[in-house]
Amino acid sequence: MCNDYRLEVDIASIMEDFDDLKIKIRLPEGKPNVAAREDILITDVAPIVKGIVGERGSGELVNRRWSWPGPRGAPVFNFRSDGRDFASNRCLVLCDGFYETTDPAIPKQKRLDKWLFTLEGHDWFCMAGVWRAYEDGEAFSLLTMDAGPDIRPYHDRQIIPLTRDRWADWLDVDVPAHEVLRHLPAGSLISQQVWPPPGSAPDQGSLLL
């Protein structure tokens, strides 16, 4: 499952794109720090847009922790969407790419192969998420579903990228979740192998991720 994603887009571009979509973004905690980051990992703090109840086309841009503690303390960073309505606490998770890993293709390589997925035609995009309060504040998790055509060769589950025409719908809890959380057409997600780099020798000394 997705345990690493990327966001290298500046806050000005993010705000401008939401404005172009007529989505009003509030900053209740001030302008969040959106520094360029190649790897956002579980328990890191990252920007999300929380929906505002009763206000379609509006959201709050805030920084929140990725994952809340589960019943046994393990971080809940992915959350199954199957059969759920999500009648509250929806959010958009900002990114410009996400990663998946596969078994090494190079013999004797101990580190998993790593793939970056980006969305065709989008400089950045949003992933469907949910947030909840926990004892230390608020945290978010990425929603997952069965893998679609672009992810199936790499994993049997996937996070849910949303094209821009679905952002306002996901923030609006009156729109049924199943109308928004759908697979993208084949070819929508572009994959690029980022580890090992093309032409590199086996990394026999690396630890398994």
N, C-alpha and C. Protein backbone atom coordinates (compact mmCIF):
# COMPACT_ATOMS: atom_id res chain seq x y z
N MET A 1 0.84 -1.20 0.00
CA MET A 1 0.00 0.00 0.00
C MET A 1 0.87 1.25 0.00
N CYS A 2 0.26 2.38 -0.28
CA CYS A 2 1.02 3.61 -0.40
C CYS A 2 1.47 4.09 0.99
N ASN A 3 2.78 4.16 1.18
CA ASN A 3 3.33 4.67 2.43
C ASN A 3 4.33 5.80 2.20
N ASP A 4 4.23 6.42 1.02
CA ASP A 4 5.18 7.48 0.65
C ASP A 4 4.59 8.23 -0.54
N TYR A 5 4.58 9.55 -0.47
CA TYR A 5 4.16 10.34 -1.63
C TYR A 5 4.95 11.62 -1.71
N ARG A 6 4.74 12.39 -2.76
CA ARG A 6 5.58 13.55 -3.06
C ARG A 6 4.72 14.80 -3.24
N LEU A 7 5.26 15.94 -2.78
CA LEU A 7 4.62 17.24 -3.03
C LEU A 7 5.71 18.28 -3.18
N GLU A 8 5.89 18.78 -4.39
CA GLU A 8 6.92 19.77 -4.67
C GLU A 8 6.34 21.05 -5.26
N VAL A 9 5.03 21.23 -5.12
CA VAL A 9 4.35 22.40 -5.68
C VAL A 9 4.26 23.50 -4.62
N ASP A 10 4.43 24.75 -5.03
CA ASP A 10 4.41 25.86 -4.07
C ASP A 10 2.98 26.24 -3.72
N ILE A 11 2.81 26.88 -2.57
CA ILE A 11 1.50 27.23 -2.04
C ILE A 11 0.75 28.18 -2.96
N ALA A 12 1.47 29.09 -3.62
CA ALA A 12 0.82 30.05 -4.52
C ALA A 12 0.12 29.34 -5.68
N SER A 13 0.78 28.34 -6.25
CA SER A 13 0.17 27.58 -7.35
C SER A 13 -1.03 26.79 -6.87
N ILE A 14 -0.93 26.24 -5.68
CA ILE A 14 -2.05 25.48 -5.11
C ILE A 14 -3.26 26.38 -4.94
N MET A 15 -3.07 27.54 -4.34
CA MET A 15 -4.17 28.46 -4.10
C MET A 15 -4.77 28.95 -5.41
N GLU A 16 -3.92 29.22 -6.39
CA GLU A 16 -4.39 29.70 -7.69
C GLU A 16 -5.25 28.65 -8.39
N ASP A 17 -4.83 27.39 -8.31
CA ASP A 17 -5.59 26.33 -8.98
C ASP A 17 -6.94 26.10 -8.31
N PHE A 18 -6.99 26.16 -6.99
CA PHE A 18 -8.29 26.06 -6.31
C PHE A 18 -9.19 27.23 -6.70
N ASP A 19 -8.62 28.41 -6.81
CA ASP A 19 -9.40 29.58 -7.19
C ASP A 19 -9.96 29.42 -8.60
N ASP A 20 -9.17 28.86 -9.50
CA ASP A 20 -9.65 28.64 -10.88
C ASP A 20 -10.84 27.68 -10.90
N LEU A 21 -10.88 26.77 -9.95
CA LEU A 21 -11.98 25.80 -9.86
C LEU A 21 -13.16 26.33 -9.06
N LYS A 22 -13.08 27.59 -8.63
CA LYS A 22 -14.15 28.22 -7.82
C LYS A 22 -14.32 27.50 -6.48
N ILE A 23 -13.24 26.92 -5.97
CA ILE A 23 -13.25 26.32 -4.63
C ILE A 23 -12.62 27.33 -3.68
N LYS A 24 -13.39 27.82 -2.75
CA LYS A 24 -12.92 28.84 -1.81
C LYS A 24 -12.13 28.17 -0.70
N ILE A 25 -10.87 28.57 -0.56
CA ILE A 25 -9.99 27.97 0.44
C ILE A 25 -9.76 28.94 1.58
N ARG A 26 -10.07 28.49 2.78
CA ARG A 26 -9.81 29.27 3.98
C ARG A 26 -8.51 28.78 4.63
N LEU A 27 -7.89 29.67 5.37
CA LEU A 27 -6.65 29.35 6.07
C LEU A 27 -6.86 29.61 7.56
N PRO A 28 -7.60 28.75 8.26
CA PRO A 28 -7.95 29.02 9.66
C PRO A 28 -6.77 29.04 10.60
N GLU A 29 -5.66 28.44 10.21
CA GLU A 29 -4.46 28.40 11.06
C GLU A 29 -3.30 29.16 10.42
N GLY A 30 -3.63 30.07 9.49
CA GLY A 30 -2.60 30.78 8.76
C GLY A 30 -2.10 29.96 7.58
N LYS A 31 -1.29 30.57 6.77
CA LYS A 31 -0.78 29.88 5.58
C LYS A 31 0.12 28.72 6.01
N PRO A 32 -0.23 27.49 5.63
CA PRO A 32 0.59 26.34 6.05
C PRO A 32 1.92 26.28 5.30
N ASN A 33 2.90 25.69 5.94
CA ASN A 33 4.18 25.49 5.30
C ASN A 33 4.05 24.35 4.29
N VAL A 34 4.27 24.66 3.03
CA VAL A 34 4.19 23.66 1.97
C VAL A 34 5.55 23.63 1.27
N ALA A 35 6.58 23.24 2.00
CA ALA A 35 7.92 23.15 1.43
C ALA A 35 7.99 21.96 0.48
N ALA A 36 8.78 22.10 -0.59
CA ALA A 36 8.94 21.02 -1.55
C ALA A 36 9.52 19.79 -0.86
N ARG A 37 8.83 18.66 -1.01
CA ARG A 37 9.28 17.44 -0.35
C ARG A 37 9.15 16.26 -1.30
N GLU A 38 10.27 15.59 -1.51
CA GLU A 38 10.29 14.43 -2.40
C GLU A 38 9.62 13.23 -1.76
N ASP A 39 9.72 13.14 -0.43
CA ASP A 39 9.15 12.01 0.28
C ASP A 39 8.38 12.50 1.50
N ILE A 40 7.07 12.27 1.51
CA ILE A 40 6.23 12.48 2.68
C ILE A 40 5.90 11.10 3.21
N LEU A 41 6.29 10.85 4.45
CA LEU A 41 6.21 9.51 5.02
C LEU A 41 5.19 9.44 6.15
N ILE A 42 4.82 8.25 6.51
CA ILE A 42 3.86 8.01 7.59
C ILE A 42 4.30 8.73 8.86
N THR A 43 3.37 9.41 9.50
CA THR A 43 3.50 10.25 10.71
C THR A 43 4.04 11.64 10.39
N ASP A 44 4.48 11.92 9.15
CA ASP A 44 4.86 13.28 8.79
C ASP A 44 3.63 14.18 8.80
N VAL A 45 3.87 15.48 8.96
CA VAL A 45 2.81 16.48 8.86
C VAL A 45 2.79 17.02 7.44
N ALA A 46 1.60 17.09 6.84
CA ALA A 46 1.48 17.49 5.44
C ALA A 46 0.16 18.23 5.24
N PRO A 47 0.04 19.01 4.15
CA PRO A 47 -1.17 19.79 3.92
C PRO A 47 -2.34 18.97 3.39
N ILE A 48 -3.52 19.26 3.91
CA ILE A 48 -4.76 18.68 3.41
C ILE A 48 -5.80 19.79 3.32
N VAL A 49 -6.88 19.54 2.59
CA VAL A 49 -8.02 20.44 2.56
C VAL A 49 -9.21 19.70 3.15
N LYS A 50 -9.72 20.22 4.26
CA LYS A 50 -10.88 19.64 4.94
C LYS A 50 -12.16 20.27 4.39
N GLY A 51 -13.17 19.47 4.14
CA GLY A 51 -14.44 20.01 3.72
C GLY A 51 -15.11 20.77 4.85
N ILE A 52 -15.95 21.74 4.49
CA ILE A 52 -16.71 22.53 5.46
C ILE A 52 -18.17 22.12 5.36
N VAL A 53 -18.72 21.64 6.45
CA VAL A 53 -20.10 21.14 6.45
C VAL A 53 -21.06 22.25 6.03
N GLY A 54 -21.92 21.95 5.06
CA GLY A 54 -22.93 22.89 4.61
C GLY A 54 -22.43 23.96 3.66
N GLU A 55 -21.18 23.90 3.26
CA GLU A 55 -20.62 24.92 2.35
C GLU A 55 -19.95 24.22 1.17
N ARG A 56 -20.75 23.90 0.16
CA ARG A 56 -20.16 23.30 -1.03
C ARG A 56 -19.24 24.29 -1.72
N GLY A 57 -18.13 23.77 -2.22
CA GLY A 57 -17.18 24.62 -2.91
C GLY A 57 -16.27 25.38 -1.98
N SER A 58 -16.16 24.91 -0.72
CA SER A 58 -15.28 25.55 0.25
C SER A 58 -14.46 24.49 0.97
N GLY A 59 -13.31 24.90 1.49
CA GLY A 59 -12.48 23.99 2.26
C GLY A 59 -11.48 24.75 3.10
N GLU A 60 -10.90 24.05 4.05
CA GLU A 60 -9.89 24.62 4.94
C GLU A 60 -8.55 23.94 4.68
N LEU A 61 -7.55 24.75 4.32
CA LEU A 61 -6.21 24.23 4.07
C LEU A 61 -5.42 24.27 5.37
N VAL A 62 -5.04 23.09 5.86
CA VAL A 62 -4.33 22.97 7.13
C VAL A 62 -3.25 21.91 7.02
N ASN A 63 -2.32 21.92 7.94
CA ASN A 63 -1.33 20.86 8.05
C ASN A 63 -1.78 19.86 9.09
N ARG A 64 -1.70 18.57 8.76
CA ARG A 64 -2.09 17.54 9.69
C ARG A 64 -1.14 16.34 9.57
N ARG A 65 -1.12 15.53 10.61
CA ARG A 65 -0.29 14.32 10.64
C ARG A 65 -0.89 13.26 9.72
N TRP A 66 -0.01 12.57 9.00
CA TRP A 66 -0.45 11.45 8.18
C TRP A 66 -0.46 10.19 9.06
N SER A 67 -1.64 9.72 9.37
CA SER A 67 -1.93 8.50 10.15
C SER A 67 -2.29 8.84 11.58
N TRP A 68 -3.31 8.16 12.07
CA TRP A 68 -3.65 8.20 13.48
C TRP A 68 -3.34 6.83 14.08
N PRO A 69 -3.14 6.75 15.37
CA PRO A 69 -2.83 5.45 15.99
C PRO A 69 -4.04 4.53 15.98
N GLY A 70 -3.84 3.30 15.56
CA GLY A 70 -4.90 2.31 15.58
C GLY A 70 -5.10 1.74 16.99
N PRO A 71 -6.04 0.81 17.16
CA PRO A 71 -6.35 0.25 18.47
C PRO A 71 -5.14 -0.37 19.17
N ARG A 72 -4.21 -0.91 18.38
CA ARG A 72 -3.01 -1.53 18.96
C ARG A 72 -1.77 -0.64 18.79
N GLY A 73 -1.99 0.60 18.41
CA GLY A 73 -0.89 1.54 18.30
C GLY A 73 -0.28 1.66 16.93
N ALA A 74 -0.56 0.74 16.02
CA ALA A 74 0.00 0.82 14.67
C ALA A 74 -0.65 1.97 13.91
N PRO A 75 0.11 2.70 13.11
CA PRO A 75 -0.44 3.86 12.39
C PRO A 75 -1.44 3.45 11.31
N VAL A 76 -2.58 4.12 11.29
CA VAL A 76 -3.58 3.89 10.25
C VAL A 76 -3.33 4.92 9.15
N PHE A 77 -2.56 4.54 8.14
CA PHE A 77 -2.18 5.46 7.08
C PHE A 77 -2.97 5.22 5.79
N ASN A 78 -3.50 4.02 5.64
CA ASN A 78 -4.41 3.68 4.54
C ASN A 78 -5.72 3.19 5.15
N PHE A 79 -6.86 3.53 4.51
CA PHE A 79 -8.17 3.20 5.06
C PHE A 79 -9.05 2.72 3.92
N ARG A 80 -9.59 1.53 4.05
CA ARG A 80 -10.38 0.94 2.97
C ARG A 80 -11.66 1.74 2.72
N SER A 81 -11.94 2.02 1.47
CA SER A 81 -13.15 2.77 1.11
C SER A 81 -14.32 1.85 0.78
N ASP A 82 -14.06 0.58 0.56
CA ASP A 82 -15.06 -0.35 0.05
C ASP A 82 -16.33 -0.36 0.90
N GLY A 83 -17.46 -0.01 0.27
CA GLY A 83 -18.75 -0.10 0.92
C GLY A 83 -19.03 0.98 1.95
N ARG A 84 -18.20 1.99 2.06
CA ARG A 84 -18.39 3.04 3.06
C ARG A 84 -18.92 4.31 2.40
N ASP A 85 -19.72 5.07 3.18
CA ASP A 85 -20.34 6.29 2.66
C ASP A 85 -19.52 7.54 2.94
N PHE A 86 -18.79 7.58 4.05
CA PHE A 86 -18.01 8.75 4.44
C PHE A 86 -18.89 10.00 4.48
N ALA A 87 -19.84 9.97 5.38
CA ALA A 87 -20.80 11.07 5.51
C ALA A 87 -20.25 12.25 6.32
N SER A 88 -18.98 12.18 6.69
CA SER A 88 -18.33 13.29 7.41
C SER A 88 -16.82 13.13 7.28
N ASN A 89 -16.11 14.20 7.63
CA ASN A 89 -14.64 14.16 7.76
C ASN A 89 -13.90 13.78 6.48
N ARG A 90 -14.41 14.21 5.34
CA ARG A 90 -13.68 14.00 4.10
C ARG A 90 -12.58 15.06 3.95
N CYS A 91 -11.53 14.70 3.24
CA CYS A 91 -10.48 15.68 2.96
C CYS A 91 -9.78 15.34 1.65
N LEU A 92 -9.13 16.34 1.09
CA LEU A 92 -8.27 16.19 -0.07
C LEU A 92 -6.83 16.22 0.41
N VAL A 93 -6.03 15.27 -0.04
CA VAL A 93 -4.62 15.20 0.33
C VAL A 93 -3.80 15.64 -0.88
N LEU A 94 -3.05 16.72 -0.74
CA LEU A 94 -2.33 17.32 -1.86
C LEU A 94 -1.06 16.56 -2.17
N CYS A 95 -0.81 16.34 -3.47
CA CYS A 95 0.42 15.67 -3.88
C CYS A 95 0.69 15.98 -5.35
N ASP A 96 1.89 15.63 -5.81
CA ASP A 96 2.12 15.62 -7.26
C ASP A 96 2.61 14.26 -7.73
N GLY A 97 2.63 13.30 -6.82
CA GLY A 97 2.97 11.94 -7.17
C GLY A 97 2.93 11.05 -5.94
N PHE A 98 2.77 9.76 -6.15
CA PHE A 98 2.82 8.82 -5.04
C PHE A 98 3.63 7.60 -5.47
N TYR A 99 4.10 6.86 -4.48
CA TYR A 99 5.02 5.76 -4.74
C TYR A 99 4.39 4.40 -4.40
N GLU A 100 4.80 3.40 -5.16
CA GLU A 100 4.53 2.00 -4.84
C GLU A 100 5.83 1.22 -5.00
N THR A 101 5.94 0.09 -4.32
CA THR A 101 7.13 -0.74 -4.42
C THR A 101 6.76 -2.14 -4.90
N THR A 102 7.72 -2.78 -5.54
CA THR A 102 7.55 -4.16 -6.03
C THR A 102 8.80 -4.96 -5.67
N ASP A 103 8.70 -6.27 -5.78
CA ASP A 103 9.86 -7.11 -5.50
C ASP A 103 10.99 -6.74 -6.46
N PRO A 104 12.23 -6.86 -6.01
CA PRO A 104 13.37 -6.47 -6.86
C PRO A 104 13.44 -7.28 -8.15
N ALA A 105 13.68 -6.58 -9.24
CA ALA A 105 13.86 -7.25 -10.53
C ALA A 105 15.31 -7.66 -10.74
N ILE A 106 16.24 -7.00 -10.03
CA ILE A 106 17.67 -7.30 -10.16
C ILE A 106 18.04 -8.40 -9.17
N PRO A 107 18.65 -9.47 -9.60
CA PRO A 107 19.04 -10.54 -8.68
C PRO A 107 19.94 -10.03 -7.56
N LYS A 108 19.71 -10.53 -6.36
CA LYS A 108 20.50 -10.24 -5.16
C LYS A 108 20.30 -8.82 -4.63
N GLN A 109 19.44 -8.05 -5.27
CA GLN A 109 19.17 -6.71 -4.72
C GLN A 109 18.23 -6.86 -3.52
N LYS A 110 18.61 -6.26 -2.40
CA LYS A 110 17.83 -6.41 -1.18
C LYS A 110 16.76 -5.34 -1.04
N ARG A 111 16.93 -4.22 -1.70
CA ARG A 111 15.96 -3.13 -1.60
C ARG A 111 14.87 -3.30 -2.64
N LEU A 112 13.63 -3.01 -2.27
CA LEU A 112 12.51 -3.13 -3.20
C LEU A 112 12.62 -2.12 -4.33
N ASP A 113 12.13 -2.49 -5.51
CA ASP A 113 12.01 -1.53 -6.60
C ASP A 113 10.96 -0.49 -6.23
N LYS A 114 11.21 0.76 -6.58
CA LYS A 114 10.32 1.87 -6.19
C LYS A 114 9.85 2.59 -7.43
N TRP A 115 8.52 2.85 -7.50
CA TRP A 115 7.90 3.45 -8.67
C TRP A 115 7.15 4.71 -8.27
N LEU A 116 7.33 5.77 -9.06
CA LEU A 116 6.60 7.01 -8.87
C LEU A 116 5.45 7.07 -9.88
N PHE A 117 4.25 7.39 -9.37
CA PHE A 117 3.08 7.54 -10.23
C PHE A 117 2.63 9.00 -10.23
N THR A 118 2.47 9.56 -11.41
CA THR A 118 1.95 10.91 -11.58
C THR A 118 0.69 10.84 -12.42
N LEU A 119 -0.09 11.92 -12.39
CA LEU A 119 -1.37 11.95 -13.09
C LEU A 119 -1.22 12.72 -14.39
N GLU A 120 -1.49 12.06 -15.48
CA GLU A 120 -1.36 12.65 -16.82
C GLU A 120 -2.13 13.96 -16.91
N GLY A 121 -1.45 15.01 -17.35
CA GLY A 121 -2.09 16.30 -17.56
C GLY A 121 -2.24 17.15 -16.32
N HIS A 122 -1.72 16.70 -15.18
CA HIS A 122 -1.84 17.43 -13.92
C HIS A 122 -0.45 17.70 -13.34
N ASP A 123 -0.13 18.97 -13.09
CA ASP A 123 1.12 19.28 -12.41
C ASP A 123 1.09 18.77 -10.97
N TRP A 124 -0.09 18.79 -10.39
CA TRP A 124 -0.31 18.23 -9.06
C TRP A 124 -1.76 17.82 -8.99
N PHE A 125 -2.12 17.05 -7.98
CA PHE A 125 -3.49 16.57 -7.88
C PHE A 125 -3.80 16.29 -6.42
N CYS A 126 -4.97 15.76 -6.16
CA CYS A 126 -5.38 15.41 -4.81
C CYS A 126 -5.73 13.93 -4.73
N MET A 127 -5.47 13.36 -3.56
CA MET A 127 -5.89 12.01 -3.27
C MET A 127 -7.05 12.07 -2.29
N ALA A 128 -7.98 11.13 -2.39
CA ALA A 128 -9.12 11.10 -1.47
C ALA A 128 -8.65 10.64 -0.10
N GLY A 129 -9.06 11.39 0.93
CA GLY A 129 -8.69 11.04 2.28
C GLY A 129 -9.82 11.30 3.26
N VAL A 130 -9.60 10.86 4.48
CA VAL A 130 -10.49 11.17 5.59
C VAL A 130 -9.62 11.59 6.77
N TRP A 131 -10.20 12.36 7.66
CA TRP A 131 -9.47 12.80 8.85
C TRP A 131 -10.28 12.47 10.09
N ARG A 132 -9.60 12.42 11.21
CA ARG A 132 -10.30 12.23 12.48
C ARG A 132 -9.46 12.82 13.61
N ALA A 133 -10.14 13.12 14.70
CA ALA A 133 -9.46 13.61 15.89
C ALA A 133 -8.91 12.42 16.68
N TYR A 134 -7.77 12.63 17.30
CA TYR A 134 -7.22 11.65 18.23
C TYR A 134 -6.61 12.43 19.39
N GLU A 135 -6.02 11.74 20.33
CA GLU A 135 -5.63 12.39 21.59
C GLU A 135 -4.62 13.52 21.41
N ASP A 136 -3.85 13.51 20.34
CA ASP A 136 -2.84 14.56 20.12
C ASP A 136 -3.27 15.59 19.08
N GLY A 137 -4.52 15.54 18.61
CA GLY A 137 -4.97 16.53 17.63
C GLY A 137 -5.82 15.89 16.54
N GLU A 138 -5.45 16.14 15.29
CA GLU A 138 -6.15 15.57 14.15
C GLU A 138 -5.14 14.94 13.20
N ALA A 139 -5.59 13.91 12.49
CA ALA A 139 -4.72 13.21 11.55
C ALA A 139 -5.56 12.75 10.36
N PHE A 140 -4.90 12.40 9.27
CA PHE A 140 -5.60 11.94 8.08
C PHE A 140 -5.07 10.59 7.63
N SER A 141 -5.87 9.92 6.82
CA SER A 141 -5.48 8.66 6.20
C SER A 141 -5.90 8.69 4.74
N LEU A 142 -5.17 7.98 3.91
CA LEU A 142 -5.49 7.89 2.48
C LEU A 142 -6.47 6.75 2.25
N LEU A 143 -7.51 7.02 1.48
CA LEU A 143 -8.47 5.97 1.16
C LEU A 143 -7.90 5.05 0.07
N THR A 144 -8.32 3.79 0.13
CA THR A 144 -7.86 2.80 -0.85
C THR A 144 -9.04 2.05 -1.46
N MET A 145 -8.77 1.44 -2.59
CA MET A 145 -9.75 0.62 -3.29
C MET A 145 -8.99 -0.47 -4.05
N ASP A 146 -9.73 -1.42 -4.64
CA ASP A 146 -9.07 -2.41 -5.50
C ASP A 146 -8.30 -1.69 -6.61
N ALA A 147 -7.19 -2.26 -7.00
CA ALA A 147 -6.34 -1.62 -8.00
C ALA A 147 -7.04 -1.52 -9.35
N GLY A 148 -6.87 -0.36 -9.99
CA GLY A 148 -7.35 -0.15 -11.34
C GLY A 148 -6.30 -0.59 -12.36
N PRO A 149 -6.54 -0.34 -13.64
CA PRO A 149 -5.67 -0.88 -14.69
C PRO A 149 -4.23 -0.40 -14.64
N ASP A 150 -3.98 0.83 -14.17
CA ASP A 150 -2.61 1.34 -14.16
C ASP A 150 -1.80 0.85 -12.96
N ILE A 151 -2.48 0.47 -11.89
CA ILE A 151 -1.78 0.04 -10.67
C ILE A 151 -1.72 -1.47 -10.56
N ARG A 152 -2.64 -2.18 -11.19
CA ARG A 152 -2.74 -3.63 -11.02
C ARG A 152 -1.44 -4.38 -11.30
N PRO A 153 -0.61 -3.95 -12.27
CA PRO A 153 0.65 -4.67 -12.46
C PRO A 153 1.63 -4.53 -11.28
N TYR A 154 1.35 -3.58 -10.38
CA TYR A 154 2.28 -3.32 -9.28
C TYR A 154 1.72 -3.73 -7.91
N HIS A 155 0.39 -3.66 -7.75
CA HIS A 155 -0.21 -3.93 -6.44
C HIS A 155 -1.69 -4.25 -6.64
N ASP A 156 -2.27 -4.99 -5.68
CA ASP A 156 -3.69 -5.34 -5.81
C ASP A 156 -4.62 -4.31 -5.17
N ARG A 157 -4.05 -3.31 -4.48
CA ARG A 157 -4.83 -2.21 -3.92
C ARG A 157 -4.17 -0.90 -4.34
N GLN A 158 -4.92 0.20 -4.26
CA GLN A 158 -4.35 1.49 -4.62
C GLN A 158 -5.02 2.61 -3.84
N ILE A 159 -4.30 3.72 -3.71
CA ILE A 159 -4.93 4.95 -3.22
C ILE A 159 -5.83 5.50 -4.33
N ILE A 160 -6.57 6.58 -4.05
CA ILE A 160 -7.58 7.05 -5.00
C ILE A 160 -7.26 8.47 -5.46
N PRO A 161 -6.57 8.61 -6.60
CA PRO A 161 -6.32 9.95 -7.14
C PRO A 161 -7.63 10.54 -7.67
N LEU A 162 -7.79 11.84 -7.48
CA LEU A 162 -8.99 12.53 -7.94
C LEU A 162 -8.61 13.58 -8.97
N THR A 163 -9.23 13.52 -10.14
CA THR A 163 -9.06 14.60 -11.12
C THR A 163 -9.78 15.85 -10.62
N ARG A 164 -9.46 16.97 -11.17
CA ARG A 164 -9.93 18.25 -10.61
C ARG A 164 -11.44 18.41 -10.61
N ASP A 165 -12.11 17.77 -11.54
CA ASP A 165 -13.56 17.88 -11.57
C ASP A 165 -14.23 17.13 -10.42
N ARG A 166 -13.46 16.35 -9.66
CA ARG A 166 -14.03 15.60 -8.54
C ARG A 166 -13.70 16.21 -7.18
N TRP A 167 -12.87 17.23 -7.14
CA TRP A 167 -12.44 17.76 -5.84
C TRP A 167 -13.60 18.33 -5.03
N ALA A 168 -14.40 19.20 -5.65
CA ALA A 168 -15.52 19.80 -4.93
C ALA A 168 -16.53 18.73 -4.50
N ASP A 169 -16.73 17.72 -5.34
CA ASP A 169 -17.66 16.66 -5.00
C ASP A 169 -17.19 15.87 -3.78
N TRP A 170 -15.89 15.61 -3.70
CA TRP A 170 -15.41 14.84 -2.55
C TRP A 170 -15.54 15.64 -1.25
N LEU A 171 -15.36 16.94 -1.31
CA LEU A 171 -15.50 17.77 -0.11
C LEU A 171 -16.96 17.89 0.32
N ASP A 172 -17.90 17.61 -0.58
CA ASP A 172 -19.33 17.76 -0.31
C ASP A 172 -19.89 16.41 0.14
N VAL A 173 -20.20 16.25 1.43
CA VAL A 173 -20.65 14.96 1.94
C VAL A 173 -22.04 14.59 1.43
N ASP A 174 -22.74 15.53 0.78
CA ASP A 174 -24.04 15.20 0.19
C ASP A 174 -23.90 14.44 -1.12
N VAL A 175 -22.70 14.44 -1.69
CA VAL A 175 -22.45 13.66 -2.91
C VAL A 175 -22.03 12.25 -2.49
N PRO A 176 -22.75 11.21 -2.90
CA PRO A 176 -22.41 9.85 -2.48
C PRO A 176 -20.97 9.49 -2.82
N ALA A 177 -20.33 8.83 -1.89
CA ALA A 177 -18.92 8.49 -2.07
C ALA A 177 -18.69 7.66 -3.33
N HIS A 178 -19.59 6.73 -3.63
CA HIS A 178 -19.37 5.84 -4.78
C HIS A 178 -19.40 6.59 -6.11
N GLU A 179 -19.98 7.80 -6.12
CA GLU A 179 -19.99 8.59 -7.35
C GLU A 179 -18.64 9.29 -7.59
N VAL A 180 -17.84 9.38 -6.54
CA VAL A 180 -16.56 10.09 -6.64
C VAL A 180 -15.38 9.12 -6.67
N LEU A 181 -15.45 8.09 -5.86
CA LEU A 181 -14.33 7.16 -5.70
C LEU A 181 -14.39 6.08 -6.77
N ARG A 182 -13.86 6.42 -7.95
CA ARG A 182 -13.89 5.51 -9.09
C ARG A 182 -12.50 5.40 -9.70
N HIS A 183 -12.29 4.30 -10.39
CA HIS A 183 -11.02 4.13 -11.09
C HIS A 183 -10.90 5.13 -12.24
N LEU A 184 -9.70 5.57 -12.48
CA LEU A 184 -9.43 6.42 -13.63
C LEU A 184 -9.25 5.54 -14.87
N PRO A 185 -9.49 6.10 -16.07
CA PRO A 185 -9.28 5.31 -17.29
C PRO A 185 -7.83 4.86 -17.41
N ALA A 186 -7.63 3.74 -18.05
CA ALA A 186 -6.27 3.23 -18.29
C ALA A 186 -5.42 4.29 -18.98
N GLY A 187 -4.19 4.43 -18.53
CA GLY A 187 -3.28 5.43 -19.09
C GLY A 187 -3.30 6.76 -18.37
N SER A 188 -4.16 6.90 -17.37
CA SER A 188 -4.24 8.17 -16.63
C SER A 188 -3.04 8.36 -15.70
N LEU A 189 -2.55 7.26 -15.13
CA LEU A 189 -1.42 7.31 -14.21
C LEU A 189 -0.15 6.88 -14.93
N ILE A 190 0.86 7.72 -14.86
CA ILE A 190 2.14 7.46 -15.53
C ILE A 190 3.14 6.97 -14.50
N SER A 191 3.75 5.83 -14.74
CA SER A 191 4.73 5.27 -13.80
C SER A 191 6.15 5.52 -14.27
N GLN A 192 7.03 5.72 -13.30
CA GLN A 192 8.46 5.93 -13.56
C GLN A 192 9.24 5.23 -12.46
N GLN A 193 10.17 4.38 -12.83
CA GLN A 193 10.96 3.69 -11.82
C GLN A 193 12.01 4.66 -11.28
N VAL A 194 12.01 4.83 -9.97
CA VAL A 194 12.97 5.75 -9.33
C VAL A 194 14.03 5.01 -8.52
N TRP A 195 13.79 3.72 -8.24
CA TRP A 195 14.82 2.89 -7.61
C TRP A 195 14.65 1.45 -8.09
N PRO A 196 15.78 0.82 -8.50
CA PRO A 196 17.09 1.43 -8.67
C PRO A 196 17.12 2.30 -9.91
N PRO A 197 18.00 3.28 -9.94
CA PRO A 197 18.10 4.13 -11.14
C PRO A 197 18.44 3.28 -12.36
N PRO A 198 17.94 3.65 -13.53
CA PRO A 198 18.22 2.88 -14.75
C PRO A 198 19.72 2.68 -14.95
N GLY A 199 20.10 1.45 -15.24
CA GLY A 199 21.50 1.15 -15.52
C GLY A 199 22.37 0.96 -14.30
N SER A 200 21.78 1.00 -13.09
CA SER A 200 22.58 0.87 -11.89
C SER A 200 22.91 -0.59 -11.61
N ALA A 201 23.97 -0.81 -10.83
CA ALA A 201 24.36 -2.15 -10.42
C ALA A 201 23.52 -2.59 -9.23
N PRO A 202 23.42 -3.88 -8.95
CA PRO A 202 22.68 -4.35 -7.80
C PRO A 202 23.17 -3.70 -6.51
N ASP A 203 22.25 -3.28 -5.67
CA ASP A 203 22.57 -2.62 -4.40
C ASP A 203 22.55 -3.66 -3.30
N GLN A 204 23.61 -4.48 -3.22
CA GLN A 204 23.60 -5.61 -2.32
C GLN A 204 23.73 -5.20 -0.86
N GLY A 205 24.17 -3.97 -0.62
CA GLY A 205 24.36 -3.56 0.76
C GLY A 205 23.17 -2.85 1.35
N SER A 206 22.13 -2.57 0.55
CA SER A 206 20.99 -1.83 1.05
C SER A 206 20.09 -2.72 1.88
N LEU A 207 19.44 -2.13 2.85
CA LEU A 207 18.50 -2.85 3.67
C LEU A 207 17.15 -2.90 2.98
N LEU A 208 16.40 -3.94 3.23
CA LEU A 208 15.05 -4.06 2.71
C LEU A 208 14.15 -3.00 3.31
N LEU A 209 13.42 -2.25 2.47
CA LEU A 209 12.54 -1.20 2.96
C LEU A 209 11.21 -1.81 3.41
